[in-house]
Structure formats: structure tokens, C-alpha cells
Amino acid sequence: MTHAAAIDAVWEMFRETNRQFQEMVREERERWAKLELLSQEALLMSQETDRQMRETDRQMRETDRQMRETDRKMRETDRKLDRLGDRLGEFVEGLVAPACETLFAQRGIPVHKVSRRVKAKLPGGRCMEIDLFVVNTDAVSLVEVKSKLTVEDVREHLIRLAEFKEFFPEYADKRVCGAVAGMVIEDNVRLFAIHQGLFVIEQAGETLRMANDDTFVPRFW
């Protein structure tokens, strides 16, 4: 190989090495560019995720605030309904109380006194409240008053009647009968109460009446 040929061979090797080096540099730049792009995308995704998490947290706080507000409004509504129910109950009791003397007298039970909201307590936190307490010489009547009477109201009153003398031992020597009264009483409730031996006082137009017929025999406790 001549001297010139050797120099050409060296330059060719140098050019090839340089080309390969430039190719490596280009590939490395492309790789770094891709990594940079991926890094930017990851950063954007992280920022978006962080934004979404902050938004989710904000929405959760807002939902929690709304739930607390709804709960507050529901409690306030419950209080208003309770107050309305108490006032309605007092109103109905106010209608039934003065009618008791006449209605019971018509059934042979003279009335000496009608008391409203009579209460008693026993040890252990047990308590009893009687809406209307009707008293005569030898008998007392416990009247449960509701704006709308239900079967459950009747069942609870039967329990009240069974426990009455335990709460009021001063009436142990008296006969105890029961009555239920309501502005609205469905047929099945009326029949259930009568079959349990209770007087049923119901609205009839602008007045009150006993729903029990003349053959009715009250139950005494």
C-alpha cells in the first residue's frame, strides 16, 4: 500500500468514526429529548392529578358542609314538627277533655274530675304520662288522645293500663278502664280498640261521640 493510500485509509476510518460518533450523539439527543418529553408529560400529569385531588378535596369539603347544613335543617324541621305536634296534641286534648264528662256520664260513669297530662315516675327511669285522667268515686279512666289514632297507639295504651296501678298505687282500690280518642280513626283501628275493651271517642261533624254501641261492655283493670 502506498503512502497516499494509507493516508486515505486513515481519513476514511476517521470519517467513519466521526459519522458513528455523530450518529451516537444524534441518537443520544433524541433519547434525551424523549426523556425530557416524558418528564414534561409526567410533570403535567402530576400537576393535573394534584389539581384534580385538590378539586376533589374541595368538593368533599363542600359536600360535607352541605351535609352538615342539611342535617341542621332536618333537626330544625324535626324540632318544628315536634312543637307543632305538641300544639296539635294540646289542641285535640282541649277538645276532648270537656266532652269526657258528658260522654262517660252517658255510659253510666259519672265524672268528678278531668286532669290533663298526669305524670308519674318509678325507680330505674320508668315513667308514665296520661293525656286525660278521668276520675269518679269508684273508677278512673285513662284516655289516650291523638290527632290520628293508630293500632300501635292502642297497643301502647293497653300496656299503660296494665301498669297503671304500679305507677299510681293510691288508686289500687279503684276500677280502671281505658279510652282512646282521635280526630282521625280508621275503621280497623276503631274495631281493634273496641275489641280490646276500650271506649273510642271520635269526631262526628262538629262534635265528639263514643263510637262504641249500646251493647259494649268495657274492660276493667
C-alpha atoms as a PDB file:
ATOM      1  CA  MET A   1       0.000   0.000   0.000  1.00  0.00           C
ATOM      2  CA  THR A   2       1.393   3.361  -0.983  1.00  0.00           C
ATOM      3  CA  HIS A   3       1.795   6.197   1.486  1.00  0.00           C
ATOM      4  CA  ALA A   4      -1.087   8.100  -0.128  1.00  0.00           C
ATOM      5  CA  ALA A   5      -3.337   5.073   0.041  1.00  0.00           C
ATOM      6  CA  ALA A   6      -2.542   4.635   3.705  1.00  0.00           C
ATOM      7  CA  ILE A   7      -3.427   8.268   4.455  1.00  0.00           C
ATOM      8  CA  ASP A   8      -6.716   7.893   2.554  1.00  0.00           C
ATOM      9  CA  ALA A   9      -7.487   4.759   4.567  1.00  0.00           C
ATOM     10  CA  VAL A  10      -6.805   6.612   7.814  1.00  0.00           C
ATOM     11  CA  TRP A  11      -9.022   9.530   6.759  1.00  0.00           C
ATOM     12  CA  GLU A  12     -11.745   7.105   5.775  1.00  0.00           C
ATOM     13  CA  MET A  13     -11.550   5.434   9.182  1.00  0.00           C
ATOM     14  CA  PHE A  14     -11.617   8.878  10.819  1.00  0.00           C
ATOM     15  CA  ARG A  15     -14.654   9.928   8.779  1.00  0.00           C
ATOM     16  CA  GLU A  16     -16.457   6.660   9.603  1.00  0.00           C
ATOM     17  CA  THR A  17     -15.629   7.034  13.303  1.00  0.00           C
ATOM     18  CA  ASN A  18     -16.814  10.636  13.211  1.00  0.00           C
ATOM     19  CA  ARG A  19     -20.004   9.581  11.420  1.00  0.00           C
ATOM     20  CA  GLN A  20     -20.626   6.905  14.019  1.00  0.00           C
ATOM     21  CA  PHE A  21     -19.898   9.380  16.776  1.00  0.00           C
ATOM     22  CA  GLN A  22     -22.316  11.909  15.265  1.00  0.00           C
ATOM     23  CA  GLU A  23     -24.907   9.164  14.943  1.00  0.00           C
ATOM     24  CA  MET A  24     -24.430   8.287  18.611  1.00  0.00           C
ATOM     25  CA  VAL A  25     -24.735  11.952  19.535  1.00  0.00           C
ATOM     26  CA  ARG A  26     -27.912  12.272  17.461  1.00  0.00           C
ATOM     27  CA  GLU A  27     -29.416   9.139  18.985  1.00  0.00           C
ATOM     28  CA  GLU A  28     -28.442  10.307  22.473  1.00  0.00           C
ATOM     29  CA  ARG A  29     -30.016  13.699  21.842  1.00  0.00           C
ATOM     30  CA  GLU A  30     -33.171  12.012  20.580  1.00  0.00           C
ATOM     31  CA  ARG A  31     -33.212   9.764  23.646  1.00  0.00           C
ATOM     32  CA  TRP A  32     -32.785  12.741  25.957  1.00  0.00           C
ATOM     33  CA  ALA A  33     -35.443  14.653  24.030  1.00  0.00           C
ATOM     34  CA  LYS A  34     -37.840  11.756  24.509  1.00  0.00           C
ATOM     35  CA  LEU A  35     -36.935  11.558  28.190  1.00  0.00           C
ATOM     36  CA  GLU A  36     -37.463  15.293  28.512  1.00  0.00           C
ATOM     37  CA  LEU A  37     -40.837  14.987  26.768  1.00  0.00           C
ATOM     38  CA  LEU A  38     -41.824  12.096  29.032  1.00  0.00           C
ATOM     39  CA  SER A  39     -40.649  14.066  32.040  1.00  0.00           C
ATOM     40  CA  GLN A  40     -42.735  17.076  30.993  1.00  0.00           C
ATOM     41  CA  GLU A  41     -45.747  14.845  30.367  1.00  0.00           C
ATOM     42  CA  ALA A  42     -45.247  13.204  33.753  1.00  0.00           C
ATOM     43  CA  LEU A  43     -44.976  16.636  35.359  1.00  0.00           C
ATOM     44  CA  LEU A  44     -48.141  17.774  33.603  1.00  0.00           C
ATOM     45  CA  MET A  45     -49.916  14.591  34.674  1.00  0.00           C
ATOM     46  CA  SER A  46     -48.699  15.106  38.227  1.00  0.00           C
ATOM     47  CA  GLN A  47     -49.871  18.688  38.197  1.00  0.00           C
ATOM     48  CA  GLU A  48     -53.232  17.651  36.739  1.00  0.00           C
ATOM     49  CA  THR A  49     -53.550  14.858  39.295  1.00  0.00           C
ATOM     50  CA  ASP A  50     -52.681  17.305  42.049  1.00  0.00           C
ATOM     51  CA  ARG A  51     -55.256  19.746  40.676  1.00  0.00           C
ATOM     52  CA  GLN A  52     -57.876  17.023  40.499  1.00  0.00           C
ATOM     53  CA  MET A  53     -57.050  15.927  44.050  1.00  0.00           C
ATOM     54  CA  ARG A  54     -57.368  19.495  45.288  1.00  0.00           C
ATOM     55  CA  GLU A  55     -60.662  19.822  43.406  1.00  0.00           C
ATOM     56  CA  THR A  56     -61.867  16.502  44.826  1.00  0.00           C
ATOM     57  CA  ASP A  57     -60.860  17.639  48.302  1.00  0.00           C
ATOM     58  CA  ARG A  58     -62.700  20.919  47.765  1.00  0.00           C
ATOM     59  CA  GLN A  59     -65.784  19.076  46.545  1.00  0.00           C
ATOM     60  CA  MET A  60     -65.630  16.715  49.533  1.00  0.00           C
ATOM     61  CA  ARG A  61     -65.384  19.658  51.923  1.00  0.00           C
ATOM     62  CA  GLU A  62     -68.300  21.312  50.150  1.00  0.00           C
ATOM     63  CA  THR A  63     -70.301  18.068  50.275  1.00  0.00           C
ATOM     64  CA  ASP A  64     -69.511  17.727  53.969  1.00  0.00           C
ATOM     65  CA  ARG A  65     -70.608  21.337  54.542  1.00  0.00           C
ATOM     66  CA  GLN A  66     -73.831  20.737  52.619  1.00  0.00           C
ATOM     67  CA  MET A  67     -74.493  17.522  54.593  1.00  0.00           C
ATOM     68  CA  ARG A  68     -73.962  19.361  57.881  1.00  0.00           C
ATOM     69  CA  GLU A  69     -76.291  22.123  56.679  1.00  0.00           C
ATOM     70  CA  THR A  70     -78.885  19.548  55.580  1.00  0.00           C
ATOM     71  CA  ASP A  71     -78.567  17.786  58.933  1.00  0.00           C
ATOM     72  CA  ARG A  72     -79.021  21.124  60.729  1.00  0.00           C
ATOM     73  CA  LYS A  73     -82.108  21.925  58.670  1.00  0.00           C
ATOM     74  CA  MET A  74     -83.529  18.440  59.306  1.00  0.00           C
ATOM     75  CA  ARG A  75     -83.005  18.824  63.057  1.00  0.00           C
ATOM     76  CA  GLU A  76     -84.645  22.228  62.925  1.00  0.00           C
ATOM     77  CA  THR A  77     -87.550  20.777  60.916  1.00  0.00           C
ATOM     78  CA  ASP A  78     -87.872  17.950  63.454  1.00  0.00           C
ATOM     79  CA  ARG A  79     -87.985  20.497  66.283  1.00  0.00           C
ATOM     80  CA  LYS A  80     -90.640  22.489  64.459  1.00  0.00           C
ATOM     81  CA  LEU A  81     -92.668  19.338  63.785  1.00  0.00           C
ATOM     82  CA  ASP A  82     -92.341  18.310  67.431  1.00  0.00           C
ATOM     83  CA  ARG A  83     -93.544  21.731  68.554  1.00  0.00           C
ATOM     84  CA  LEU A  84     -96.373  21.590  66.015  1.00  0.00           C
ATOM     85  CA  GLY A  85     -97.246  18.070  67.152  1.00  0.00           C
ATOM     86  CA  ASP A  86     -97.289  19.200  70.788  1.00  0.00           C
ATOM     87  CA  ARG A  87     -99.523  22.151  69.969  1.00  0.00           C
ATOM     88  CA  LEU A  88    -101.809  19.938  67.864  1.00  0.00           C
ATOM     89  CA  GLY A  89    -101.926  17.378  70.666  1.00  0.00           C
ATOM     90  CA  GLU A  90    -102.788  20.072  73.188  1.00  0.00           C
ATOM     91  CA  PHE A  91    -105.474  21.379  70.850  1.00  0.00           C
ATOM     92  CA  VAL A  92    -107.078  17.939  70.465  1.00  0.00           C
ATOM     93  CA  GLU A  93    -106.846  17.318  74.215  1.00  0.00           C
ATOM     94  CA  GLY A  94    -108.545  20.669  74.714  1.00  0.00           C
ATOM     95  CA  LEU A  95    -111.428  19.456  72.571  1.00  0.00           C
ATOM     96  CA  VAL A  96    -111.741  16.020  74.153  1.00  0.00           C
ATOM     97  CA  ALA A  97    -111.338  16.995  77.833  1.00  0.00           C
ATOM     98  CA  PRO A  98    -114.596  18.957  78.228  1.00  0.00           C
ATOM     99  CA  ALA A  99    -116.517  16.287  76.293  1.00  0.00           C
ATOM    100  CA  CYS A 100    -115.383  13.478  78.603  1.00  0.00           C
ATOM    101  CA  GLU A 101    -117.810  14.388  81.391  1.00  0.00           C
ATOM    102  CA  THR A 102    -120.821  14.113  79.109  1.00  0.00           C
ATOM    103  CA  LEU A 103    -119.634  11.090  77.118  1.00  0.00           C
ATOM    104  CA  PHE A 104    -118.707   8.985  80.163  1.00  0.00           C
ATOM    105  CA  ALA A 105    -121.852  10.021  82.044  1.00  0.00           C
ATOM    106  CA  GLN A 106    -123.889   8.718  79.105  1.00  0.00           C
ATOM    107  CA  ARG A 107    -122.198   5.333  79.690  1.00  0.00           C
ATOM    108  CA  GLY A 108    -123.033   5.284  83.391  1.00  0.00           C
ATOM    109  CA  ILE A 109    -119.669   6.552  84.557  1.00  0.00           C
ATOM    110  CA  PRO A 110    -120.162   9.889  86.310  1.00  0.00           C
ATOM    111  CA  VAL A 111    -117.121  12.147  86.171  1.00  0.00           C
ATOM    112  CA  HIS A 112    -115.865  14.130  89.167  1.00  0.00           C
ATOM    113  CA  LYS A 113    -112.632  15.432  87.686  1.00  0.00           C
ATOM    114  CA  VAL A 114    -110.739  15.503  84.378  1.00  0.00           C
ATOM    115  CA  SER A 115    -106.975  16.193  84.582  1.00  0.00           C
ATOM    116  CA  ARG A 116    -104.595  16.719  81.670  1.00  0.00           C
ATOM    117  CA  ARG A 117    -101.038  15.431  81.315  1.00  0.00           C
ATOM    118  CA  VAL A 118    -100.853  13.453  84.549  1.00  0.00           C
ATOM    119  CA  LYS A 119     -97.346  12.046  85.101  1.00  0.00           C
ATOM    120  CA  ALA A 120     -95.630   9.591  87.439  1.00  0.00           C
ATOM    121  CA  LYS A 121     -92.123   8.129  87.788  1.00  0.00           C
ATOM    122  CA  LEU A 122     -90.683   4.940  89.221  1.00  0.00           C
ATOM    123  CA  PRO A 123     -87.090   3.993  90.107  1.00  0.00           C
ATOM    124  CA  GLY A 124     -84.978   2.955  87.144  1.00  0.00           C
ATOM    125  CA  GLY A 125     -86.105   5.814  84.948  1.00  0.00           C
ATOM    126  CA  ARG A 126     -89.558   4.370  84.280  1.00  0.00           C
ATOM    127  CA  CYS A 127     -92.246   6.962  83.689  1.00  0.00           C
ATOM    128  CA  MET A 128     -95.866   7.224  82.625  1.00  0.00           C
ATOM    129  CA  GLU A 129     -97.878  10.111  81.204  1.00  0.00           C
ATOM    130  CA  ILE A 130    -101.654  10.067  80.874  1.00  0.00           C
ATOM    131  CA  ASP A 131    -103.151  12.515  78.383  1.00  0.00           C
ATOM    132  CA  LEU A 132    -106.523  12.788  80.130  1.00  0.00           C
ATOM    133  CA  PHE A 133    -107.204  11.312  83.569  1.00  0.00           C
ATOM    134  CA  VAL A 134    -110.913  10.921  84.321  1.00  0.00           C
ATOM    135  CA  VAL A 135    -111.862  10.272  87.963  1.00  0.00           C
ATOM    136  CA  ASN A 136    -115.099   9.413  89.773  1.00  0.00           C
ATOM    137  CA  THR A 137    -115.884   7.782  93.123  1.00  0.00           C
ATOM    138  CA  ASP A 138    -115.021   4.157  92.371  1.00  0.00           C
ATOM    139  CA  ALA A 139    -113.424   4.203  88.940  1.00  0.00           C
ATOM    140  CA  VAL A 140    -110.839   6.032  86.854  1.00  0.00           C
ATOM    141  CA  SER A 141    -110.411   6.160  83.102  1.00  0.00           C
ATOM    142  CA  LEU A 142    -107.178   6.723  81.212  1.00  0.00           C
ATOM    143  CA  VAL A 143    -107.745   8.484  77.891  1.00  0.00           C
ATOM    144  CA  GLU A 144    -105.048   8.467  75.204  1.00  0.00           C
ATOM    145  CA  VAL A 145    -105.545  11.336  72.742  1.00  0.00           C
ATOM    146  CA  LYS A 146    -104.086  11.501  69.223  1.00  0.00           C
ATOM    147  CA  SER A 147    -104.767  13.654  66.190  1.00  0.00           C
ATOM    148  CA  LYS A 148    -104.637  10.393  64.178  1.00  0.00           C
ATOM    149  CA  LEU A 149    -105.010   7.214  66.184  1.00  0.00           C
ATOM    150  CA  THR A 150    -103.079   4.076  65.128  1.00  0.00           C
ATOM    151  CA  VAL A 151    -103.131   0.438  66.179  1.00  0.00           C
ATOM    152  CA  GLU A 152     -99.714   0.939  67.770  1.00  0.00           C
ATOM    153  CA  ASP A 153    -101.129   3.803  69.861  1.00  0.00           C
ATOM    154  CA  VAL A 154    -103.843   1.419  71.102  1.00  0.00           C
ATOM    155  CA  ARG A 155    -101.305  -1.297  71.973  1.00  0.00           C
ATOM    156  CA  GLU A 156     -99.183   1.181  73.914  1.00  0.00           C
ATOM    157  CA  HIS A 157    -102.255   2.363  75.809  1.00  0.00           C
ATOM    158  CA  LEU A 158    -103.112  -1.229  76.774  1.00  0.00           C
ATOM    159  CA  ILE A 159     -99.645  -1.551  78.309  1.00  0.00           C
ATOM    160  CA  ARG A 160    -100.182   1.771  80.112  1.00  0.00           C
ATOM    161  CA  LEU A 161    -103.467   0.470  81.550  1.00  0.00           C
ATOM    162  CA  ALA A 162    -101.844  -2.774  82.718  1.00  0.00           C
ATOM    163  CA  GLU A 163     -99.087  -0.862  84.547  1.00  0.00           C
ATOM    164  CA  PHE A 164    -101.255   1.995  85.861  1.00  0.00           C
ATOM    165  CA  LYS A 165    -101.663   0.797  89.475  1.00  0.00           C
ATOM    166  CA  GLU A 166     -97.933   0.180  89.744  1.00  0.00           C
ATOM    167  CA  PHE A 167     -97.341   3.856  88.957  1.00  0.00           C
ATOM    168  CA  PHE A 168    -100.388   5.124  90.868  1.00  0.00           C
ATOM    169  CA  PRO A 169    -100.828   2.839  93.915  1.00  0.00           C
ATOM    170  CA  GLU A 170    -103.184   5.388  95.510  1.00  0.00           C
ATOM    171  CA  TYR A 171    -105.814   4.179  93.020  1.00  0.00           C
ATOM    172  CA  ALA A 172    -105.298   0.466  93.774  1.00  0.00           C
ATOM    173  CA  ASP A 173    -108.852   0.102  95.107  1.00  0.00           C
ATOM    174  CA  LYS A 174    -110.496   1.640  92.038  1.00  0.00           C
ATOM    175  CA  ARG A 175    -111.631   0.054  88.816  1.00  0.00           C
ATOM    176  CA  VAL A 176    -109.597   1.229  85.835  1.00  0.00           C
ATOM    177  CA  CYS A 177    -110.938   1.441  82.301  1.00  0.00           C
ATOM    178  CA  GLY A 178    -109.407   2.866  79.163  1.00  0.00           C
ATOM    179  CA  ALA A 179    -110.384   5.080  76.281  1.00  0.00           C
ATOM    180  CA  VAL A 180    -108.722   6.320  73.115  1.00  0.00           C
ATOM    181  CA  ALA A 181    -109.635   9.462  71.216  1.00  0.00           C
ATOM    182  CA  GLY A 182    -108.681  10.823  67.840  1.00  0.00           C
ATOM    183  CA  MET A 183    -109.756  13.291  65.205  1.00  0.00           C
ATOM    184  CA  VAL A 184    -108.902  10.681  62.570  1.00  0.00           C
ATOM    185  CA  ILE A 185    -109.555   6.998  63.330  1.00  0.00           C
ATOM    186  CA  GLU A 186    -109.566   4.391  60.576  1.00  0.00           C
ATOM    187  CA  ASP A 187    -112.102   1.556  60.727  1.00  0.00           C
ATOM    188  CA  ASN A 188    -109.569  -1.174  61.555  1.00  0.00           C
ATOM    189  CA  VAL A 189    -108.135   0.902  64.410  1.00  0.00           C
ATOM    190  CA  ARG A 190    -111.594   1.642  65.801  1.00  0.00           C
ATOM    191  CA  LEU A 191    -112.591  -2.042  65.727  1.00  0.00           C
ATOM    192  CA  PHE A 192    -109.298  -3.149  67.271  1.00  0.00           C
ATOM    193  CA  ALA A 193    -109.686  -0.715  70.185  1.00  0.00           C
ATOM    194  CA  ILE A 194    -113.299  -1.716  70.805  1.00  0.00           C
ATOM    195  CA  HIS A 195    -112.400  -5.438  70.730  1.00  0.00           C
ATOM    196  CA  GLN A 196    -109.752  -4.698  73.365  1.00  0.00           C
ATOM    197  CA  GLY A 197    -112.475  -3.305  75.644  1.00  0.00           C
ATOM    198  CA  LEU A 198    -111.652   0.378  75.188  1.00  0.00           C
ATOM    199  CA  PHE A 199    -114.004   3.278  74.765  1.00  0.00           C
ATOM    200  CA  VAL A 200    -113.388   5.062  71.461  1.00  0.00           C
ATOM    201  CA  ILE A 201    -114.026   8.796  71.240  1.00  0.00           C
ATOM    202  CA  GLU A 202    -114.178  10.126  67.708  1.00  0.00           C
ATOM    203  CA  GLN A 203    -115.159  13.218  65.805  1.00  0.00           C
ATOM    204  CA  ALA A 204    -118.656  13.341  64.371  1.00  0.00           C
ATOM    205  CA  GLY A 205    -119.131  16.551  62.416  1.00  0.00           C
ATOM    206  CA  GLU A 206    -118.547  19.417  64.818  1.00  0.00           C
ATOM    207  CA  THR A 207    -118.978  17.279  67.952  1.00  0.00           C
ATOM    208  CA  LEU A 208    -117.430  14.219  69.615  1.00  0.00           C
ATOM    209  CA  ARG A 209    -119.124  10.885  70.259  1.00  0.00           C
ATOM    210  CA  MET A 210    -118.481   7.411  71.608  1.00  0.00           C
ATOM    211  CA  ALA A 211    -118.041   5.005  68.693  1.00  0.00           C
ATOM    212  CA  ASN A 212    -118.989   2.029  70.926  1.00  0.00           C
ATOM    213  CA  ASP A 213    -122.533   0.743  70.504  1.00  0.00           C
ATOM    214  CA  ASP A 214    -125.004   0.299  73.369  1.00  0.00           C
ATOM    215  CA  THR A 215    -124.056  -3.363  73.866  1.00  0.00           C
ATOM    216  CA  PHE A 216    -120.415  -2.542  74.534  1.00  0.00           C
ATOM    217  CA  VAL A 217    -119.042  -3.763  77.881  1.00  0.00           C
ATOM    218  CA  PRO A 218    -115.796  -2.006  78.890  1.00  0.00           C
ATOM    219  CA  ARG A 219    -112.796  -3.927  80.174  1.00  0.00           C
ATOM    220  CA  PHE A 220    -111.585  -3.091  83.670  1.00  0.00           C
ATOM    221  CA  TRP A 221    -108.091  -3.477  85.074  1.00  0.00           C
END
